[in-house]
């Protein structure tokens, strides 16, 4: 490091409380309507000035990305430097706690955290339009992860309208240990438009909006990884849950609880029954 300034940014898990797929677009993406929320926990990214660029991965899921010379973090750093004319070098460390290819925006959240960290280091406003454009160029979920707040997303999911956060809901995230390809899940979608999300922005009705919604990628994900159905069924059976759904293209599912005690009880029961399933006890931000 060239100085003592070290920036650490959280890269929290992203949850799709509802995800409606409306149509396939001419550019190959799909027209989406989604309700984003974010957990308090996830990965983290550390950035510092250095004499030479470096990238390291630590954490329990570091091995899943080992050997990746090119990933969303390094792409984000390069795009930031090109956009803002930064010719300094950086040492970047990704502390990887979220499973890879799991529907909770791990890579997108990591890229967004990298952009926020570099913006802080180089005095770029976090709401700068150019920074949002960089985020959009990296992936459909990266703008939402850059903002990191409860929001409705349309277009590819990158056109955002902020809404009131749901409040102090506890969340249990569960992944059965399978990675699901987002491209394969979208390819398996049946192409049926089942209608829009009813967009309500008041805090007291956002959860009702989520409950009335659905995840249109759940059925195609189940066709590729039937164990997702087992996860959902076990979460549905847990006392105290208020919303159970698969996030994104899977395979991670989540349950929201009103109390930490109910969440902890569900986590303990699942850990005893399925010790190889990944879990994260957290809360909505």
Protein backbone atom coordinates (compact mmCIF):
# COMPACT_ATOMS: atom_id res chain seq x y z
CA UNK A 1 0.00 0.00 0.00
CA UNK A 2 1.11 3.51 -0.75
CA UNK A 3 -0.74 5.14 2.14
CA UNK A 4 -2.79 4.17 5.14
CA UNK A 5 -6.17 4.69 3.46
CA UNK A 6 -7.96 1.38 3.11
CA UNK A 7 -11.58 1.32 1.96
CA UNK A 8 -13.85 -1.56 2.94
CA UNK A 9 -17.29 -1.85 1.34
CA UNK A 10 -19.98 -4.39 2.14
CA UNK A 11 -21.47 -6.40 -0.72
CA UNK A 12 -24.75 -7.60 0.80
CA UNK A 13 -26.90 -10.38 -0.62
CA UNK A 14 -29.64 -9.27 -2.99
CA UNK A 15 -33.13 -10.74 -2.68
CA UNK A 16 -35.85 -10.67 -5.31
CA UNK A 17 -39.02 -10.49 -3.23
CA UNK A 18 -40.92 -10.82 -6.51
CA UNK A 19 -39.64 -11.36 -10.06
CA UNK A 20 -41.97 -11.20 -13.06
CA UNK A 21 -40.62 -11.98 -16.53
CA UNK A 22 -42.70 -10.14 -19.15
CA UNK A 23 -41.03 -10.86 -22.49
CA UNK A 24 -37.76 -11.50 -24.28
CA UNK A 25 -36.23 -8.33 -25.71
CA UNK A 26 -34.58 -7.83 -29.09
CA UNK A 27 -31.20 -7.32 -27.36
CA UNK A 28 -31.35 -10.83 -25.88
CA UNK A 29 -32.23 -9.70 -22.36
CA UNK A 30 -35.66 -10.16 -20.82
CA UNK A 31 -38.08 -7.43 -19.81
CA UNK A 32 -38.44 -7.78 -16.04
CA UNK A 33 -40.38 -6.36 -13.14
CA UNK A 34 -38.82 -7.07 -9.77
CA UNK A 35 -38.92 -5.95 -6.17
CA UNK A 36 -35.38 -5.80 -4.80
CA UNK A 37 -34.43 -5.97 -1.14
CA UNK A 38 -31.02 -6.35 0.47
CA UNK A 39 -29.71 -8.28 3.43
CA UNK A 40 -27.40 -6.84 6.05
CA UNK A 41 -24.74 -9.48 5.35
CA UNK A 42 -22.81 -10.90 2.42
CA UNK A 43 -19.38 -10.43 0.88
CA UNK A 44 -17.01 -7.50 1.32
CA UNK A 45 -14.46 -5.74 -0.88
CA UNK A 46 -11.30 -4.01 0.35
CA UNK A 47 -9.49 -1.50 -1.88
CA UNK A 48 -6.22 0.38 -1.31
CA UNK A 49 -3.78 2.29 -3.46
CA UNK A 50 -0.78 0.20 -4.48
CA UNK A 51 2.31 0.24 -6.67
CA UNK A 52 0.86 -2.50 -8.87
CA UNK A 53 -2.63 -3.84 -9.47
CA UNK A 54 -3.47 -6.99 -7.54
CA UNK A 55 -6.56 -9.03 -6.83
CA UNK A 56 -6.99 -11.62 -4.10
CA UNK A 57 -9.93 -13.70 -2.89
CA UNK A 58 -10.46 -14.90 0.66
CA UNK A 59 -13.40 -16.39 2.51
CA UNK A 60 -15.25 -19.70 2.49
CA UNK A 61 -16.22 -19.50 -1.20
CA UNK A 62 -12.86 -18.27 -2.48
CA UNK A 63 -12.20 -21.63 -4.08
CA UNK A 64 -15.22 -21.28 -6.36
CA UNK A 65 -13.54 -18.28 -8.01
CA UNK A 66 -9.92 -19.43 -7.77
CA UNK A 67 -8.07 -18.99 -11.01
CA UNK A 68 -10.57 -16.48 -12.40
CA UNK A 69 -8.29 -13.89 -13.93
CA UNK A 70 -11.34 -12.02 -15.21
CA UNK A 71 -14.43 -11.50 -13.07
CA UNK A 72 -16.89 -8.77 -12.22
CA UNK A 73 -14.62 -7.21 -9.60
CA UNK A 74 -11.66 -6.76 -11.93
CA UNK A 75 -13.98 -5.65 -14.74
CA UNK A 76 -15.53 -3.07 -12.40
CA UNK A 77 -12.11 -1.73 -11.41
CA UNK A 78 -11.03 -1.43 -15.03
CA UNK A 79 -14.28 0.24 -16.11
CA UNK A 80 -14.06 2.73 -13.23
CA UNK A 81 -10.48 3.67 -14.16
CA UNK A 82 -11.39 4.13 -17.83
CA UNK A 83 -14.51 6.17 -17.07
CA UNK A 84 -12.98 8.51 -14.50
CA UNK A 85 -9.47 8.74 -15.95
CA UNK A 86 -7.78 7.08 -12.96
CA UNK A 87 -4.27 5.82 -13.73
CA UNK A 88 -3.36 4.77 -10.19
CA UNK A 89 -2.97 1.12 -9.21
CA UNK A 90 -5.04 -0.71 -6.60
CA UNK A 91 -4.84 -3.74 -4.36
CA UNK A 92 -8.29 -5.31 -4.20
CA UNK A 93 -9.38 -8.15 -1.93
CA UNK A 94 -12.73 -9.88 -2.21
CA UNK A 95 -13.88 -11.66 0.94
CA UNK A 96 -16.29 -14.22 -0.52
CA UNK A 97 -19.02 -15.47 1.84
CA UNK A 98 -21.91 -15.88 -0.62
CA UNK A 99 -22.14 -18.97 -2.83
CA UNK A 100 -21.45 -18.48 -6.53
CA UNK A 101 -24.24 -18.65 -9.16
CA UNK A 102 -26.89 -18.70 -6.46
CA UNK A 103 -29.46 -16.03 -7.36
CA UNK A 104 -28.56 -13.55 -4.63
CA UNK A 105 -26.42 -11.24 -6.71
CA UNK A 106 -23.04 -12.20 -5.30
CA UNK A 107 -21.01 -11.18 -8.34
CA UNK A 108 -23.15 -8.11 -8.98
CA UNK A 109 -22.91 -7.05 -5.35
CA UNK A 110 -19.13 -7.51 -5.45
CA UNK A 111 -18.85 -5.36 -8.57
CA UNK A 112 -21.05 -2.67 -7.01
CA UNK A 113 -19.00 -2.69 -3.80
CA UNK A 114 -15.83 -2.30 -5.87
CA UNK A 115 -17.31 0.74 -7.61
CA UNK A 116 -18.38 2.29 -4.30
CA UNK A 117 -14.97 1.67 -2.75
CA UNK A 118 -13.12 3.20 -5.70
CA UNK A 119 -15.54 6.14 -5.71
CA UNK A 120 -14.77 6.81 -2.04
CA UNK A 121 -11.04 6.48 -2.64
CA UNK A 122 -11.08 8.91 -5.57
CA UNK A 123 -13.75 11.35 -4.31
CA UNK A 124 -16.40 10.44 -6.87
CA UNK A 125 -19.98 11.06 -5.73
CA UNK A 126 -21.74 7.74 -5.08
CA UNK A 127 -24.80 8.98 -6.98
CA UNK A 128 -22.82 10.20 -9.99
CA UNK A 129 -24.61 9.36 -13.24
CA UNK A 130 -21.38 8.13 -14.79
CA UNK A 131 -20.96 5.66 -11.92
CA UNK A 132 -24.46 4.31 -12.52
CA UNK A 133 -23.70 3.97 -16.23
CA UNK A 134 -20.61 1.93 -15.40
CA UNK A 135 -22.73 -0.27 -13.14
CA UNK A 136 -25.26 -0.85 -15.91
CA UNK A 137 -22.52 -1.86 -18.33
CA UNK A 138 -21.40 -4.61 -15.96
CA UNK A 139 -24.73 -6.41 -15.57
CA UNK A 140 -28.45 -6.01 -15.06
CA UNK A 141 -28.35 -6.37 -11.25
CA UNK A 142 -25.30 -4.17 -10.65
CA UNK A 143 -27.20 -0.82 -10.59
CA UNK A 144 -29.60 -2.12 -7.93
CA UNK A 145 -26.66 -3.47 -5.92
CA UNK A 146 -24.87 -0.13 -6.29
CA UNK A 147 -27.86 1.65 -4.72
CA UNK A 148 -28.38 -1.16 -2.19
CA UNK A 149 -31.91 -0.12 -1.18
CA UNK A 150 -35.38 -1.58 -1.52
CA UNK A 151 -36.55 -0.73 -5.03
CA UNK A 152 -38.75 -1.70 -7.93
CA UNK A 153 -36.72 -2.61 -11.00
CA UNK A 154 -37.98 -2.61 -14.58
CA UNK A 155 -36.32 -2.98 -17.97
CA UNK A 156 -33.53 -5.49 -17.44
CA UNK A 157 -34.05 -4.79 -13.74
CA UNK A 158 -31.79 -1.75 -13.97
CA UNK A 159 -34.42 1.01 -14.09
CA UNK A 160 -35.05 1.67 -10.42
CA UNK A 161 -37.71 3.36 -8.32
CA UNK A 162 -36.84 3.46 -4.62
CA UNK A 163 -39.52 2.46 -2.11
CA UNK A 164 -39.72 2.38 1.65
CA UNK A 165 -37.76 -0.53 3.16
CA UNK A 166 -39.81 -3.31 4.67
CA UNK A 167 -38.55 -2.75 8.17
CA UNK A 168 -36.84 -5.03 10.63
CA UNK A 169 -37.65 -8.38 9.06
CA UNK A 170 -35.34 -11.28 9.79
CA UNK A 171 -34.20 -13.42 6.87
CA UNK A 172 -32.93 -16.96 6.48
CA UNK A 173 -31.17 -17.71 3.19
CA UNK A 174 -30.72 -21.35 2.20
CA UNK A 175 -28.88 -22.89 -0.74
CA UNK A 176 -28.84 -26.69 -1.21
CA UNK A 177 -25.32 -26.64 -2.58
CA UNK A 178 -26.09 -26.46 -6.29
CA UNK A 179 -25.08 -23.76 -8.75
CA UNK A 180 -27.71 -22.89 -11.36
CA UNK A 181 -26.86 -21.18 -14.63
CA UNK A 182 -28.85 -17.97 -15.07
CA UNK A 183 -28.71 -18.38 -18.86
CA UNK A 184 -30.03 -21.94 -18.62
CA UNK A 185 -32.90 -20.89 -16.36
CA UNK A 186 -33.97 -18.07 -18.67
CA UNK A 187 -33.69 -20.44 -21.64
CA UNK A 188 -36.08 -22.83 -19.86
CA UNK A 189 -38.68 -20.09 -19.17
CA UNK A 190 -41.90 -20.91 -21.01
CA UNK A 191 -42.32 -17.42 -22.45
CA UNK A 192 -45.72 -16.82 -20.88
CA UNK A 193 -46.39 -13.28 -19.61
CA UNK A 194 -48.32 -13.79 -16.38
CA UNK A 195 -48.81 -10.10 -15.71
CA UNK A 196 -47.18 -7.18 -13.90
CA UNK A 197 -46.29 -6.51 -10.31
CA UNK A 198 -48.79 -4.26 -8.56
CA UNK A 199 -46.48 -1.41 -7.67
CA UNK A 200 -47.15 0.04 -4.24
CA UNK A 201 -44.60 2.26 -2.57
CA UNK A 202 -45.98 2.64 0.95
CA UNK A 203 -44.03 0.69 3.53
CA UNK A 204 -47.04 -1.10 4.96
CA UNK A 205 -48.07 -2.56 1.59
CA UNK A 206 -44.70 -3.44 0.04
CA UNK A 207 -44.71 -6.84 1.76
CA UNK A 208 -48.27 -7.43 0.57
CA UNK A 209 -47.07 -6.59 -2.94
CA UNK A 210 -44.31 -9.16 -2.59
CA UNK A 211 -46.70 -11.80 -1.30
CA UNK A 212 -49.09 -11.17 -4.19
CA UNK A 213 -46.22 -11.49 -6.64
CA UNK A 214 -44.22 -14.52 -7.74
CA UNK A 215 -40.89 -15.57 -9.19
CA UNK A 216 -41.42 -16.58 -12.81
CA UNK A 217 -37.97 -18.21 -12.88
CA UNK A 218 -38.87 -20.66 -10.12
CA UNK A 219 -40.52 -23.22 -12.40
CA UNK A 220 -37.65 -23.37 -14.93
CA UNK A 221 -35.10 -23.46 -12.10
CA UNK A 222 -36.98 -26.39 -10.53
CA UNK A 223 -36.82 -28.24 -13.84
CA UNK A 224 -33.02 -27.94 -13.75
CA UNK A 225 -32.52 -28.42 -9.99
CA UNK A 226 -35.53 -30.18 -8.38
CA UNK A 227 -33.91 -29.92 -4.94
CA UNK A 228 -35.02 -26.27 -4.92
CA UNK A 229 -38.55 -27.54 -4.36
CA UNK A 230 -37.35 -29.40 -1.28
CA UNK A 231 -35.80 -26.21 0.12
CA UNK A 232 -38.97 -24.22 -0.47
CA UNK A 233 -41.15 -26.90 1.11
CA UNK A 234 -39.00 -27.05 4.24
CA UNK A 235 -38.98 -23.25 4.59
CA UNK A 236 -42.75 -23.11 4.09
CA UNK A 237 -43.16 -25.57 6.93
CA UNK A 238 -41.18 -23.47 9.41
CA UNK A 239 -43.28 -21.67 12.06
CA UNK A 240 -43.25 -17.89 12.01
CA UNK A 241 -42.41 -17.37 8.34
CA UNK A 242 -44.15 -14.54 6.51
CA UNK A 243 -42.75 -14.90 2.97
CA UNK A 244 -40.92 -17.81 1.32
CA UNK A 245 -39.52 -17.56 -2.20
CA UNK A 246 -36.65 -18.46 -4.46
CA UNK A 247 -34.40 -15.47 -5.24
CA UNK A 248 -33.37 -14.56 -8.77
CA UNK A 249 -32.66 -17.56 -10.95
CA UNK A 250 -31.87 -19.74 -7.91
CA UNK A 251 -30.91 -21.92 -6.32
CA UNK A 252 -30.92 -19.84 -3.10
CA UNK A 253 -34.30 -19.55 -1.38
CA UNK A 254 -35.25 -17.35 1.55
CA UNK A 255 -37.82 -17.02 4.29
CA UNK A 256 -38.69 -13.79 6.08
CA UNK A 257 -39.57 -13.88 9.77
CA UNK A 258 -40.86 -11.21 12.11
CA UNK A 259 -38.60 -12.31 14.98
CA UNK A 260 -34.98 -13.40 15.29
CA UNK A 261 -36.10 -16.26 17.54
CA UNK A 262 -38.30 -17.75 14.81
CA UNK A 263 -35.50 -17.39 12.29
CA UNK A 264 -32.96 -19.03 14.63
CA UNK A 265 -35.33 -21.90 15.34
CA UNK A 266 -35.82 -22.54 11.63
CA UNK A 267 -32.08 -22.36 10.97
CA UNK A 268 -31.33 -24.83 13.75
CA UNK A 269 -33.93 -27.30 12.48
CA UNK A 270 -32.64 -27.11 8.92
CA UNK A 271 -29.01 -27.44 10.01
CA UNK A 272 -29.83 -30.62 11.88
CA UNK A 273 -31.83 -32.10 9.02
CA UNK A 274 -29.64 -30.92 6.12
CA UNK A 275 -26.14 -30.21 7.46
CA UNK A 276 -24.70 -29.77 3.96
CA UNK A 277 -27.06 -26.98 2.96
CA UNK A 278 -25.59 -23.47 3.10
CA UNK A 279 -27.42 -21.03 5.37
CA UNK A 280 -27.16 -17.36 6.22
CA UNK A 281 -29.04 -15.87 9.17
CA UNK A 282 -29.41 -12.16 8.53
CA UNK A 283 -31.94 -9.33 8.42
CA UNK A 284 -33.24 -7.00 5.75
CA UNK A 285 -31.30 -3.76 5.53
